[in-house]
Amino acid sequence: MVISKSKRAALAAETVDPKEVEGAVSDGLLIAKSAATIGVANRIIIRALREQKSFDRDDTAEAVGDELRRLAAEQRDLATRMVDARTKALKSKGRSRHQFDYRADDNSALAARETIYTTIAARLEERSHDDALIAEIVMSARDRAWNDVGGAIMSHVNAVVVPDTAYGAQREARLKELLDVDLAELASSRRSRPARKNSSEIPGE
């Protein structure tokens, strides 16, 4: 939704503390990055297991950009709601009946939230064209997908009841085929990463 200039002008006089905004924006961007990673990881898993498609770096990068723009659109919608809430609050009289029944005294807080949402939206839109950030999210999503898919495979294998003596000999081949065909790129990435130290080997623990 596009906010009219007249409505913006009527509310523009409210001062917002830049420090309050910047801290909230930083937290919001971290959350958005995590949300984008999870969303894209789920997409990788679906493509690998349901659609039998291999990991594609360029296709995944495009998905990351789309996800960041989708999150930006959500923030713009929230900013629009704050404008509407402020407009209504400034006209409302009497005492508030519940936490979302805003009054004139809530205008400063609502203005801050509007600015936060608007700023996050603008920065997410910028980041949707940031090749370095997109590449980072692609790698994080790929690793997350491999961890989730690998765990699911092992849980399934451990739960299988062996029907005959030939099954044990064939199981390894079946698993190898699944990894080679569906998860080759993910497996390659996993093998290239250095092994994590056991928690008992970390100093101070």
N, C-alpha and C. Protein backbone atom coordinates (compact mmCIF):
# COMPACT_ATOMS: atom_id res chain seq x y z
N MET A 1 0.84 -1.20 0.00
CA MET A 1 0.00 0.00 0.00
C MET A 1 0.87 1.24 0.00
N VAL A 2 0.53 2.24 -0.83
CA VAL A 2 1.27 3.49 -0.90
C VAL A 2 0.65 4.49 0.05
N ILE A 3 1.46 5.07 0.93
CA ILE A 3 0.96 6.03 1.90
C ILE A 3 0.87 7.40 1.26
N SER A 4 -0.27 8.06 1.38
CA SER A 4 -0.46 9.35 0.73
C SER A 4 0.44 10.40 1.33
N LYS A 5 0.84 11.39 0.49
CA LYS A 5 1.71 12.46 0.96
C LYS A 5 1.04 13.30 2.03
N SER A 6 -0.27 13.50 1.90
CA SER A 6 -0.97 14.31 2.89
C SER A 6 -0.96 13.66 4.26
N LYS A 7 -1.15 12.34 4.27
CA LYS A 7 -1.13 11.62 5.55
C LYS A 7 0.28 11.63 6.14
N ARG A 8 1.30 11.45 5.30
CA ARG A 8 2.68 11.51 5.76
C ARG A 8 2.99 12.88 6.33
N ALA A 9 2.57 13.93 5.64
CA ALA A 9 2.87 15.28 6.07
C ALA A 9 2.22 15.60 7.41
N ALA A 10 1.03 15.09 7.61
CA ALA A 10 0.31 15.36 8.85
C ALA A 10 0.98 14.71 10.05
N LEU A 11 1.76 13.67 9.82
CA LEU A 11 2.38 12.94 10.92
C LEU A 11 3.89 13.16 11.01
N ALA A 12 4.45 13.88 10.07
CA ALA A 12 5.91 13.98 9.95
C ALA A 12 6.58 14.74 11.08
N ALA A 13 5.82 15.52 11.83
CA ALA A 13 6.43 16.38 12.84
C ALA A 13 6.96 15.61 14.04
N GLU A 14 6.53 14.38 14.24
CA GLU A 14 6.97 13.60 15.39
C GLU A 14 8.46 13.26 15.29
N THR A 15 9.21 13.55 16.38
CA THR A 15 10.65 13.29 16.40
C THR A 15 10.92 11.88 16.91
N VAL A 16 11.82 11.19 16.23
CA VAL A 16 12.17 9.82 16.60
C VAL A 16 13.64 9.78 16.96
N ASP A 17 13.97 9.11 18.07
CA ASP A 17 15.35 8.99 18.54
C ASP A 17 16.14 8.08 17.59
N PRO A 18 17.18 8.60 16.92
CA PRO A 18 17.96 7.79 15.96
C PRO A 18 18.60 6.57 16.61
N LYS A 19 19.05 6.69 17.86
CA LYS A 19 19.70 5.56 18.54
C LYS A 19 18.71 4.43 18.77
N GLU A 20 17.48 4.78 19.14
CA GLU A 20 16.46 3.77 19.36
C GLU A 20 16.15 3.05 18.04
N VAL A 21 16.09 3.82 16.98
CA VAL A 21 15.78 3.25 15.67
C VAL A 21 16.91 2.33 15.20
N GLU A 22 18.15 2.79 15.29
CA GLU A 22 19.27 2.03 14.75
C GLU A 22 19.45 0.69 15.46
N GLY A 23 19.28 0.68 16.77
CA GLY A 23 19.41 -0.58 17.50
C GLY A 23 18.36 -1.58 17.08
N ALA A 24 17.13 -1.12 16.96
CA ALA A 24 16.04 -2.01 16.55
C ALA A 24 16.21 -2.46 15.11
N VAL A 25 16.69 -1.57 14.26
CA VAL A 25 16.91 -1.92 12.86
C VAL A 25 17.98 -3.01 12.75
N SER A 26 19.06 -2.88 13.50
CA SER A 26 20.13 -3.88 13.48
C SER A 26 19.61 -5.25 13.88
N ASP A 27 18.80 -5.27 14.96
CA ASP A 27 18.21 -6.54 15.40
C ASP A 27 17.27 -7.10 14.33
N GLY A 28 16.48 -6.21 13.73
CA GLY A 28 15.54 -6.65 12.71
C GLY A 28 16.22 -7.24 11.49
N LEU A 29 17.35 -6.67 11.11
CA LEU A 29 18.08 -7.17 9.94
C LEU A 29 18.69 -8.54 10.22
N LEU A 30 19.15 -8.75 11.46
CA LEU A 30 19.68 -10.06 11.82
C LEU A 30 18.59 -11.12 11.77
N ILE A 31 17.41 -10.76 12.28
CA ILE A 31 16.28 -11.69 12.26
C ILE A 31 15.87 -11.98 10.82
N ALA A 32 15.84 -10.95 9.99
CA ALA A 32 15.46 -11.12 8.58
C ALA A 32 16.45 -12.02 7.85
N LYS A 33 17.73 -11.86 8.15
CA LYS A 33 18.76 -12.70 7.52
C LYS A 33 18.55 -14.16 7.90
N SER A 34 18.26 -14.39 9.18
CA SER A 34 18.02 -15.75 9.65
C SER A 34 16.77 -16.33 8.99
N ALA A 35 15.71 -15.51 8.88
CA ALA A 35 14.47 -15.96 8.27
C ALA A 35 14.69 -16.31 6.80
N ALA A 36 15.48 -15.49 6.10
CA ALA A 36 15.77 -15.76 4.69
C ALA A 36 16.55 -17.07 4.54
N THR A 37 17.50 -17.30 5.44
CA THR A 37 18.29 -18.53 5.39
C THR A 37 17.41 -19.76 5.58
N ILE A 38 16.51 -19.70 6.56
CA ILE A 38 15.61 -20.83 6.82
C ILE A 38 14.68 -21.07 5.64
N GLY A 39 14.12 -19.98 5.10
CA GLY A 39 13.20 -20.11 3.98
C GLY A 39 13.86 -20.73 2.76
N VAL A 40 15.07 -20.30 2.45
CA VAL A 40 15.78 -20.82 1.29
C VAL A 40 16.24 -22.26 1.54
N ALA A 41 16.65 -22.57 2.77
CA ALA A 41 17.05 -23.94 3.10
C ALA A 41 15.88 -24.90 2.89
N ASN A 42 14.69 -24.48 3.31
CA ASN A 42 13.50 -25.32 3.10
C ASN A 42 13.26 -25.54 1.61
N ARG A 43 13.49 -24.53 0.82
CA ARG A 43 13.31 -24.65 -0.63
C ARG A 43 14.30 -25.66 -1.21
N ILE A 44 15.55 -25.62 -0.74
CA ILE A 44 16.57 -26.56 -1.22
C ILE A 44 16.15 -28.00 -0.89
N ILE A 45 15.65 -28.21 0.32
CA ILE A 45 15.24 -29.54 0.75
C ILE A 45 14.09 -30.06 -0.11
N ILE A 46 13.11 -29.21 -0.35
CA ILE A 46 11.95 -29.62 -1.16
C ILE A 46 12.39 -29.98 -2.58
N ARG A 47 13.26 -29.16 -3.14
CA ARG A 47 13.73 -29.43 -4.51
C ARG A 47 14.54 -30.73 -4.57
N ALA A 48 15.31 -31.00 -3.52
CA ALA A 48 16.15 -32.19 -3.53
C ALA A 48 15.35 -33.47 -3.32
N LEU A 49 14.44 -33.46 -2.35
CA LEU A 49 13.76 -34.70 -1.98
C LEU A 49 12.44 -34.92 -2.71
N ARG A 50 11.69 -33.86 -2.94
CA ARG A 50 10.39 -34.03 -3.59
C ARG A 50 10.47 -33.92 -5.11
N GLU A 51 11.29 -32.96 -5.57
CA GLU A 51 11.35 -32.71 -7.01
C GLU A 51 12.54 -33.37 -7.69
N GLN A 52 13.41 -34.03 -6.87
CA GLN A 52 14.57 -34.72 -7.41
C GLN A 52 15.49 -33.79 -8.20
N LYS A 53 15.66 -32.55 -7.71
CA LYS A 53 16.51 -31.59 -8.39
C LYS A 53 17.76 -31.33 -7.56
N SER A 54 18.89 -31.22 -8.22
CA SER A 54 20.16 -30.97 -7.55
C SER A 54 20.28 -29.51 -7.14
N PHE A 55 21.16 -29.26 -6.19
CA PHE A 55 21.41 -27.89 -5.75
C PHE A 55 22.00 -27.07 -6.89
N ASP A 56 21.44 -25.90 -7.11
CA ASP A 56 21.92 -24.99 -8.14
C ASP A 56 22.23 -23.65 -7.50
N ARG A 57 23.49 -23.25 -7.55
CA ARG A 57 23.94 -22.04 -6.85
C ARG A 57 23.24 -20.79 -7.38
N ASP A 58 23.18 -20.64 -8.71
CA ASP A 58 22.58 -19.43 -9.28
C ASP A 58 21.08 -19.35 -8.99
N ASP A 59 20.41 -20.49 -9.11
CA ASP A 59 18.98 -20.53 -8.83
C ASP A 59 18.71 -20.20 -7.37
N THR A 60 19.57 -20.70 -6.48
CA THR A 60 19.40 -20.43 -5.05
C THR A 60 19.68 -18.97 -4.74
N ALA A 61 20.67 -18.38 -5.40
CA ALA A 61 20.97 -16.96 -5.20
C ALA A 61 19.77 -16.10 -5.60
N GLU A 62 19.11 -16.48 -6.68
CA GLU A 62 17.91 -15.75 -7.12
C GLU A 62 16.80 -15.88 -6.07
N ALA A 63 16.69 -17.07 -5.48
CA ALA A 63 15.69 -17.30 -4.44
C ALA A 63 15.97 -16.45 -3.21
N VAL A 64 17.24 -16.28 -2.87
CA VAL A 64 17.61 -15.43 -1.73
C VAL A 64 17.17 -13.99 -1.98
N GLY A 65 17.46 -13.47 -3.18
CA GLY A 65 17.05 -12.12 -3.51
C GLY A 65 15.54 -11.95 -3.41
N ASP A 66 14.80 -12.95 -3.90
CA ASP A 66 13.34 -12.90 -3.83
C ASP A 66 12.87 -12.90 -2.38
N GLU A 67 13.52 -13.71 -1.55
CA GLU A 67 13.13 -13.81 -0.15
C GLU A 67 13.39 -12.50 0.59
N LEU A 68 14.51 -11.86 0.32
CA LEU A 68 14.81 -10.58 0.94
C LEU A 68 13.82 -9.51 0.52
N ARG A 69 13.45 -9.53 -0.75
CA ARG A 69 12.45 -8.55 -1.22
C ARG A 69 11.07 -8.82 -0.61
N ARG A 70 10.75 -10.10 -0.42
CA ARG A 70 9.47 -10.43 0.22
C ARG A 70 9.44 -9.93 1.65
N LEU A 71 10.54 -10.10 2.36
CA LEU A 71 10.63 -9.61 3.73
C LEU A 71 10.56 -8.09 3.78
N ALA A 72 11.16 -7.43 2.80
CA ALA A 72 11.09 -5.97 2.72
C ALA A 72 9.65 -5.52 2.54
N ALA A 73 8.90 -6.22 1.69
CA ALA A 73 7.50 -5.87 1.45
C ALA A 73 6.68 -6.02 2.74
N GLU A 74 6.98 -7.04 3.53
CA GLU A 74 6.29 -7.23 4.80
C GLU A 74 6.53 -6.05 5.73
N GLN A 75 7.78 -5.57 5.76
CA GLN A 75 8.11 -4.44 6.62
C GLN A 75 7.41 -3.15 6.15
N ARG A 76 7.30 -2.99 4.85
CA ARG A 76 6.58 -1.81 4.33
C ARG A 76 5.10 -1.85 4.72
N ASP A 77 4.53 -3.04 4.68
CA ASP A 77 3.13 -3.19 5.09
C ASP A 77 2.96 -2.84 6.57
N LEU A 78 3.92 -3.26 7.39
CA LEU A 78 3.86 -2.95 8.81
C LEU A 78 3.99 -1.44 9.04
N ALA A 79 4.84 -0.79 8.26
CA ALA A 79 4.99 0.67 8.38
C ALA A 79 3.68 1.38 8.03
N THR A 80 3.01 0.88 7.00
CA THR A 80 1.72 1.46 6.61
C THR A 80 0.69 1.31 7.73
N ARG A 81 0.71 0.16 8.39
CA ARG A 81 -0.21 -0.05 9.51
C ARG A 81 0.06 0.95 10.64
N MET A 82 1.34 1.26 10.86
CA MET A 82 1.67 2.21 11.90
C MET A 82 1.16 3.61 11.55
N VAL A 83 1.24 3.99 10.28
CA VAL A 83 0.70 5.28 9.85
C VAL A 83 -0.80 5.34 10.12
N ASP A 84 -1.49 4.27 9.75
CA ASP A 84 -2.94 4.22 9.99
C ASP A 84 -3.25 4.26 11.48
N ALA A 85 -2.45 3.53 12.27
CA ALA A 85 -2.66 3.50 13.73
C ALA A 85 -2.42 4.87 14.34
N ARG A 86 -1.40 5.59 13.87
CA ARG A 86 -1.12 6.93 14.38
C ARG A 86 -2.24 7.90 14.04
N THR A 87 -2.70 7.82 12.80
CA THR A 87 -3.79 8.71 12.37
C THR A 87 -5.03 8.51 13.22
N LYS A 88 -5.35 7.24 13.48
CA LYS A 88 -6.52 6.93 14.30
C LYS A 88 -6.30 7.34 15.75
N ALA A 89 -5.09 7.08 16.26
CA ALA A 89 -4.79 7.37 17.67
C ALA A 89 -4.92 8.86 17.98
N LEU A 90 -4.46 9.70 17.05
CA LEU A 90 -4.49 11.14 17.27
C LEU A 90 -5.91 11.69 17.30
N LYS A 91 -6.84 10.93 16.75
CA LYS A 91 -8.24 11.36 16.73
C LYS A 91 -9.06 10.74 17.85
N SER A 92 -8.48 9.73 18.54
CA SER A 92 -9.23 9.00 19.56
C SER A 92 -9.24 9.74 20.88
N LYS A 93 -10.36 9.67 21.58
CA LYS A 93 -10.52 10.32 22.89
C LYS A 93 -10.73 9.27 23.97
N GLY A 94 -10.56 9.68 25.21
CA GLY A 94 -10.81 8.79 26.33
C GLY A 94 -9.64 7.86 26.62
N ARG A 95 -9.91 6.87 27.47
CA ARG A 95 -8.87 5.93 27.90
C ARG A 95 -8.80 4.73 26.96
N SER A 96 -7.60 4.19 26.87
CA SER A 96 -7.40 3.01 26.04
C SER A 96 -8.10 1.80 26.66
N ARG A 97 -8.77 0.99 25.82
CA ARG A 97 -9.50 -0.17 26.30
C ARG A 97 -8.66 -1.45 26.28
N HIS A 98 -7.62 -1.51 25.45
CA HIS A 98 -6.73 -2.65 25.40
C HIS A 98 -5.41 -2.20 24.80
N GLN A 99 -4.41 -3.09 24.72
CA GLN A 99 -3.06 -2.68 24.34
C GLN A 99 -2.94 -2.19 22.91
N PHE A 100 -3.91 -2.54 22.07
CA PHE A 100 -3.86 -2.09 20.68
C PHE A 100 -4.84 -0.95 20.40
N ASP A 101 -5.45 -0.47 21.45
CA ASP A 101 -6.37 0.67 21.32
C ASP A 101 -5.57 1.94 21.61
N TYR A 102 -4.89 2.45 20.58
CA TYR A 102 -3.93 3.52 20.77
C TYR A 102 -4.61 4.88 20.95
N ARG A 103 -3.89 5.76 21.68
CA ARG A 103 -4.33 7.12 21.92
C ARG A 103 -3.20 8.08 21.55
N ALA A 104 -3.44 9.37 21.69
CA ALA A 104 -2.45 10.37 21.30
C ALA A 104 -1.12 10.18 22.02
N ASP A 105 -1.17 9.69 23.26
CA ASP A 105 0.06 9.47 24.03
C ASP A 105 0.94 8.38 23.42
N ASP A 106 0.35 7.55 22.57
CA ASP A 106 1.11 6.47 21.94
C ASP A 106 1.78 6.90 20.64
N ASN A 107 1.58 8.15 20.22
CA ASN A 107 2.07 8.59 18.92
C ASN A 107 3.58 8.45 18.78
N SER A 108 4.32 8.80 19.80
CA SER A 108 5.79 8.72 19.72
C SER A 108 6.26 7.29 19.51
N ALA A 109 5.68 6.36 20.27
CA ALA A 109 6.07 4.95 20.13
C ALA A 109 5.69 4.41 18.76
N LEU A 110 4.52 4.77 18.27
CA LEU A 110 4.08 4.31 16.96
C LEU A 110 4.94 4.91 15.86
N ALA A 111 5.34 6.18 16.04
CA ALA A 111 6.21 6.83 15.05
C ALA A 111 7.56 6.13 14.98
N ALA A 112 8.08 5.73 16.14
CA ALA A 112 9.36 5.02 16.18
C ALA A 112 9.24 3.68 15.45
N ARG A 113 8.16 2.97 15.69
CA ARG A 113 7.96 1.68 15.03
C ARG A 113 7.81 1.85 13.52
N GLU A 114 7.11 2.89 13.12
CA GLU A 114 6.98 3.17 11.68
C GLU A 114 8.34 3.39 11.03
N THR A 115 9.17 4.20 11.70
CA THR A 115 10.50 4.49 11.17
C THR A 115 11.36 3.23 11.11
N ILE A 116 11.26 2.41 12.14
CA ILE A 116 12.02 1.16 12.18
C ILE A 116 11.63 0.26 11.02
N TYR A 117 10.33 0.05 10.83
CA TYR A 117 9.86 -0.80 9.74
C TYR A 117 10.29 -0.26 8.37
N THR A 118 10.15 1.04 8.21
CA THR A 118 10.50 1.66 6.93
C THR A 118 11.99 1.51 6.63
N THR A 119 12.81 1.70 7.67
CA THR A 119 14.26 1.60 7.50
C THR A 119 14.68 0.17 7.19
N ILE A 120 14.10 -0.79 7.91
CA ILE A 120 14.42 -2.19 7.64
C ILE A 120 14.04 -2.56 6.21
N ALA A 121 12.88 -2.10 5.77
CA ALA A 121 12.43 -2.40 4.41
C ALA A 121 13.41 -1.86 3.38
N ALA A 122 13.85 -0.62 3.57
CA ALA A 122 14.78 -0.01 2.62
C ALA A 122 16.11 -0.75 2.58
N ARG A 123 16.61 -1.16 3.74
CA ARG A 123 17.90 -1.85 3.77
C ARG A 123 17.81 -3.26 3.23
N LEU A 124 16.68 -3.93 3.47
CA LEU A 124 16.50 -5.26 2.89
C LEU A 124 16.42 -5.19 1.36
N GLU A 125 15.79 -4.15 0.87
CA GLU A 125 15.71 -3.96 -0.58
C GLU A 125 17.11 -3.77 -1.15
N GLU A 126 17.94 -2.98 -0.45
CA GLU A 126 19.33 -2.78 -0.89
C GLU A 126 20.10 -4.10 -0.84
N ARG A 127 19.91 -4.86 0.22
CA ARG A 127 20.66 -6.10 0.40
C ARG A 127 20.23 -7.18 -0.58
N SER A 128 19.03 -7.05 -1.14
CA SER A 128 18.59 -8.04 -2.12
C SER A 128 19.41 -7.95 -3.41
N HIS A 129 20.24 -6.91 -3.52
CA HIS A 129 21.13 -6.75 -4.68
C HIS A 129 22.61 -6.83 -4.27
N ASP A 130 22.86 -7.21 -3.02
CA ASP A 130 24.22 -7.31 -2.49
C ASP A 130 24.74 -8.73 -2.76
N ASP A 131 25.60 -8.86 -3.76
CA ASP A 131 26.08 -10.19 -4.17
C ASP A 131 26.81 -10.92 -3.05
N ALA A 132 27.60 -10.19 -2.26
CA ALA A 132 28.37 -10.83 -1.19
C ALA A 132 27.44 -11.39 -0.12
N LEU A 133 26.45 -10.60 0.27
CA LEU A 133 25.51 -11.07 1.29
C LEU A 133 24.69 -12.24 0.77
N ILE A 134 24.25 -12.14 -0.47
CA ILE A 134 23.45 -13.22 -1.07
C ILE A 134 24.26 -14.52 -1.10
N ALA A 135 25.53 -14.43 -1.48
CA ALA A 135 26.39 -15.62 -1.52
C ALA A 135 26.53 -16.23 -0.12
N GLU A 136 26.65 -15.37 0.89
CA GLU A 136 26.76 -15.85 2.27
C GLU A 136 25.50 -16.59 2.70
N ILE A 137 24.34 -16.04 2.37
CA ILE A 137 23.08 -16.69 2.74
C ILE A 137 22.90 -17.99 1.97
N VAL A 138 23.32 -18.01 0.71
CA VAL A 138 23.25 -19.24 -0.08
C VAL A 138 24.03 -20.36 0.60
N MET A 139 25.24 -20.06 1.04
CA MET A 139 26.07 -21.08 1.70
C MET A 139 25.46 -21.53 3.02
N SER A 140 24.94 -20.57 3.79
CA SER A 140 24.33 -20.91 5.07
C SER A 140 23.09 -21.77 4.88
N ALA A 141 22.29 -21.42 3.87
CA ALA A 141 21.07 -22.19 3.59
C ALA A 141 21.42 -23.59 3.11
N ARG A 142 22.45 -23.70 2.29
CA ARG A 142 22.88 -25.01 1.80
C ARG A 142 23.34 -25.90 2.95
N ASP A 143 24.15 -25.34 3.85
CA ASP A 143 24.63 -26.13 5.00
C ASP A 143 23.47 -26.54 5.90
N ARG A 144 22.56 -25.62 6.12
CA ARG A 144 21.40 -25.94 6.98
C ARG A 144 20.57 -27.05 6.34
N ALA A 145 20.37 -26.96 5.03
CA ALA A 145 19.60 -27.98 4.32
C ALA A 145 20.27 -29.33 4.45
N TRP A 146 21.59 -29.36 4.28
CA TRP A 146 22.31 -30.64 4.38
C TRP A 146 22.19 -31.23 5.79
N ASN A 147 22.32 -30.39 6.80
CA ASN A 147 22.19 -30.87 8.18
C ASN A 147 20.80 -31.46 8.42
N ASP A 148 19.76 -30.77 7.95
CA ASP A 148 18.39 -31.24 8.16
C ASP A 148 18.11 -32.51 7.37
N VAL A 149 18.52 -32.54 6.11
CA VAL A 149 18.27 -33.70 5.27
C VAL A 149 19.08 -34.90 5.76
N GLY A 150 20.34 -34.68 6.12
CA GLY A 150 21.17 -35.78 6.62
C GLY A 150 20.58 -36.41 7.86
N GLY A 151 20.07 -35.57 8.78
CA GLY A 151 19.45 -36.08 9.99
C GLY A 151 18.21 -36.90 9.69
N ALA A 152 17.42 -36.42 8.72
CA ALA A 152 16.19 -37.13 8.36
C ALA A 152 16.51 -38.49 7.74
N ILE A 153 17.55 -38.51 6.91
CA ILE A 153 17.95 -39.78 6.28
C ILE A 153 18.38 -40.79 7.33
N MET A 154 19.21 -40.36 8.28
CA MET A 154 19.70 -41.29 9.28
C MET A 154 18.58 -41.78 10.19
N SER A 155 17.62 -40.89 10.53
CA SER A 155 16.49 -41.31 11.35
C SER A 155 15.67 -42.36 10.62
N HIS A 156 15.50 -42.17 9.33
CA HIS A 156 14.75 -43.14 8.53
C HIS A 156 15.48 -44.48 8.45
N VAL A 157 16.78 -44.42 8.24
CA VAL A 157 17.57 -45.64 8.14
C VAL A 157 17.53 -46.42 9.44
N ASN A 158 17.66 -45.73 10.58
CA ASN A 158 17.68 -46.41 11.87
C ASN A 158 16.33 -47.04 12.21
N ALA A 159 15.25 -46.50 11.62
CA ALA A 159 13.91 -47.00 11.92
C ALA A 159 13.49 -48.15 11.02
N VAL A 160 14.28 -48.45 10.00
CA VAL A 160 13.91 -49.49 9.03
C VAL A 160 14.05 -50.88 9.64
N VAL A 161 13.04 -51.70 9.41
CA VAL A 161 13.11 -53.10 9.81
C VAL A 161 13.64 -53.90 8.62
N VAL A 162 14.75 -54.61 8.80
CA VAL A 162 15.36 -55.34 7.69
C VAL A 162 14.48 -56.52 7.30
N PRO A 163 13.98 -56.56 6.07
CA PRO A 163 13.05 -57.62 5.66
C PRO A 163 13.73 -58.93 5.29
N ASP A 164 14.96 -58.87 4.82
CA ASP A 164 15.64 -60.11 4.43
C ASP A 164 17.15 -59.89 4.49
N THR A 165 17.91 -60.93 4.29
CA THR A 165 19.36 -60.84 4.41
C THR A 165 19.98 -60.02 3.30
N ALA A 166 19.31 -59.91 2.17
CA ALA A 166 19.86 -59.14 1.04
C ALA A 166 19.74 -57.65 1.27
N TYR A 167 18.82 -57.25 2.16
CA TYR A 167 18.57 -55.82 2.34
C TYR A 167 19.82 -55.10 2.86
N GLY A 168 20.51 -55.73 3.83
CA GLY A 168 21.68 -55.09 4.41
C GLY A 168 22.74 -54.79 3.37
N ALA A 169 22.92 -55.71 2.43
CA ALA A 169 23.93 -55.52 1.38
C ALA A 169 23.51 -54.45 0.40
N GLN A 170 22.20 -54.31 0.19
CA GLN A 170 21.71 -53.34 -0.79
C GLN A 170 21.52 -51.95 -0.22
N ARG A 171 21.41 -51.84 1.11
CA ARG A 171 21.10 -50.56 1.73
C ARG A 171 22.16 -49.52 1.42
N GLU A 172 23.44 -49.91 1.54
CA GLU A 172 24.52 -48.96 1.28
C GLU A 172 24.45 -48.42 -0.14
N ALA A 173 24.16 -49.28 -1.10
CA ALA A 173 24.06 -48.85 -2.49
C ALA A 173 22.90 -47.89 -2.68
N ARG A 174 21.78 -48.17 -1.98
CA ARG A 174 20.62 -47.30 -2.11
C ARG A 174 20.90 -45.92 -1.54
N LEU A 175 21.54 -45.89 -0.39
CA LEU A 175 21.88 -44.60 0.21
C LEU A 175 22.87 -43.83 -0.66
N LYS A 176 23.83 -44.56 -1.21
CA LYS A 176 24.82 -43.91 -2.08
C LYS A 176 24.14 -43.30 -3.30
N GLU A 177 23.16 -44.02 -3.85
CA GLU A 177 22.46 -43.50 -5.02
C GLU A 177 21.69 -42.23 -4.67
N LEU A 178 21.06 -42.22 -3.49
CA LEU A 178 20.31 -41.04 -3.06
C LEU A 178 21.22 -39.84 -2.92
N LEU A 179 22.36 -40.04 -2.29
CA LEU A 179 23.29 -38.93 -2.09
C LEU A 179 23.89 -38.47 -3.41
N ASP A 180 24.24 -39.42 -4.28
CA ASP A 180 24.84 -39.06 -5.57
C ASP A 180 23.87 -38.30 -6.45
N VAL A 181 22.61 -38.74 -6.48
CA VAL A 181 21.64 -38.16 -7.42
C VAL A 181 21.01 -36.89 -6.87
N ASP A 182 20.58 -36.92 -5.61
CA ASP A 182 19.78 -35.82 -5.07
C ASP A 182 20.59 -34.79 -4.29
N LEU A 183 21.64 -35.23 -3.60
CA LEU A 183 22.31 -34.35 -2.66
C LEU A 183 23.80 -34.23 -2.94
N ALA A 184 24.21 -34.45 -4.18
CA ALA A 184 25.63 -34.45 -4.50
C ALA A 184 26.29 -33.13 -4.15
N GLU A 185 25.66 -32.02 -4.51
CA GLU A 185 26.26 -30.71 -4.26
C GLU A 185 26.32 -30.41 -2.77
N LEU A 186 25.26 -30.78 -2.05
CA LEU A 186 25.24 -30.55 -0.60
C LEU A 186 26.31 -31.38 0.09
N ALA A 187 26.44 -32.63 -0.32
CA ALA A 187 27.43 -33.51 0.29
C ALA A 187 28.84 -33.01 0.03
N SER A 188 29.08 -32.51 -1.17
CA SER A 188 30.39 -31.97 -1.53
C SER A 188 30.74 -30.80 -0.65
N SER A 189 29.76 -29.94 -0.40
CA SER A 189 29.98 -28.79 0.47
C SER A 189 30.32 -29.22 1.88
N ARG A 190 29.58 -30.21 2.37
CA ARG A 190 29.78 -30.68 3.75
C ARG A 190 31.17 -31.25 3.94
N ARG A 191 31.64 -32.04 2.95
CA ARG A 191 32.96 -32.65 3.07
C ARG A 191 34.08 -31.63 3.03
N SER A 192 33.84 -30.49 2.36
CA SER A 192 34.89 -29.49 2.22
C SER A 192 35.07 -28.64 3.46
N ARG A 193 34.11 -28.72 4.39
CA ARG A 193 34.20 -27.91 5.61
C ARG A 193 35.05 -28.62 6.65
N PRO A 194 35.87 -27.88 7.44
CA PRO A 194 36.68 -28.51 8.49
C PRO A 194 35.79 -29.07 9.58
N ALA A 195 36.18 -30.17 10.15
CA ALA A 195 35.40 -30.80 11.22
C ALA A 195 35.41 -29.93 12.45
N ARG A 196 34.23 -29.89 13.14
CA ARG A 196 34.14 -29.11 14.37
C ARG A 196 34.79 -29.85 15.53
N LYS A 197 35.40 -29.11 16.43
CA LYS A 197 35.99 -29.73 17.60
C LYS A 197 34.92 -30.17 18.57
N ASN A 198 35.19 -31.26 19.24
CA ASN A 198 34.29 -31.71 20.28
C ASN A 198 34.25 -30.67 21.38
N SER A 199 33.04 -30.48 22.02
CA SER A 199 32.91 -29.45 23.04
C SER A 199 33.90 -29.62 24.17
N SER A 200 34.33 -30.88 24.43
CA SER A 200 35.29 -31.12 25.50
C SER A 200 36.67 -30.58 25.17
N GLU A 201 36.92 -30.31 23.86
CA GLU A 201 38.24 -29.82 23.45
C GLU A 201 38.29 -28.30 23.40
N ILE A 202 37.16 -27.64 23.63
CA ILE A 202 37.13 -26.19 23.55
C ILE A 202 37.65 -25.61 24.86
N PRO A 203 38.62 -24.71 24.78
CA PRO A 203 39.20 -24.14 26.01
C PRO A 203 38.12 -23.49 26.84
N GLY A 204 38.21 -23.68 28.11
CA GLY A 204 37.30 -23.02 29.04
C GLY A 204 36.07 -23.82 29.33
N GLU A 205 35.90 -24.99 28.70
CA GLU A 205 34.72 -25.84 28.97
C GLU A 205 35.15 -27.14 29.62
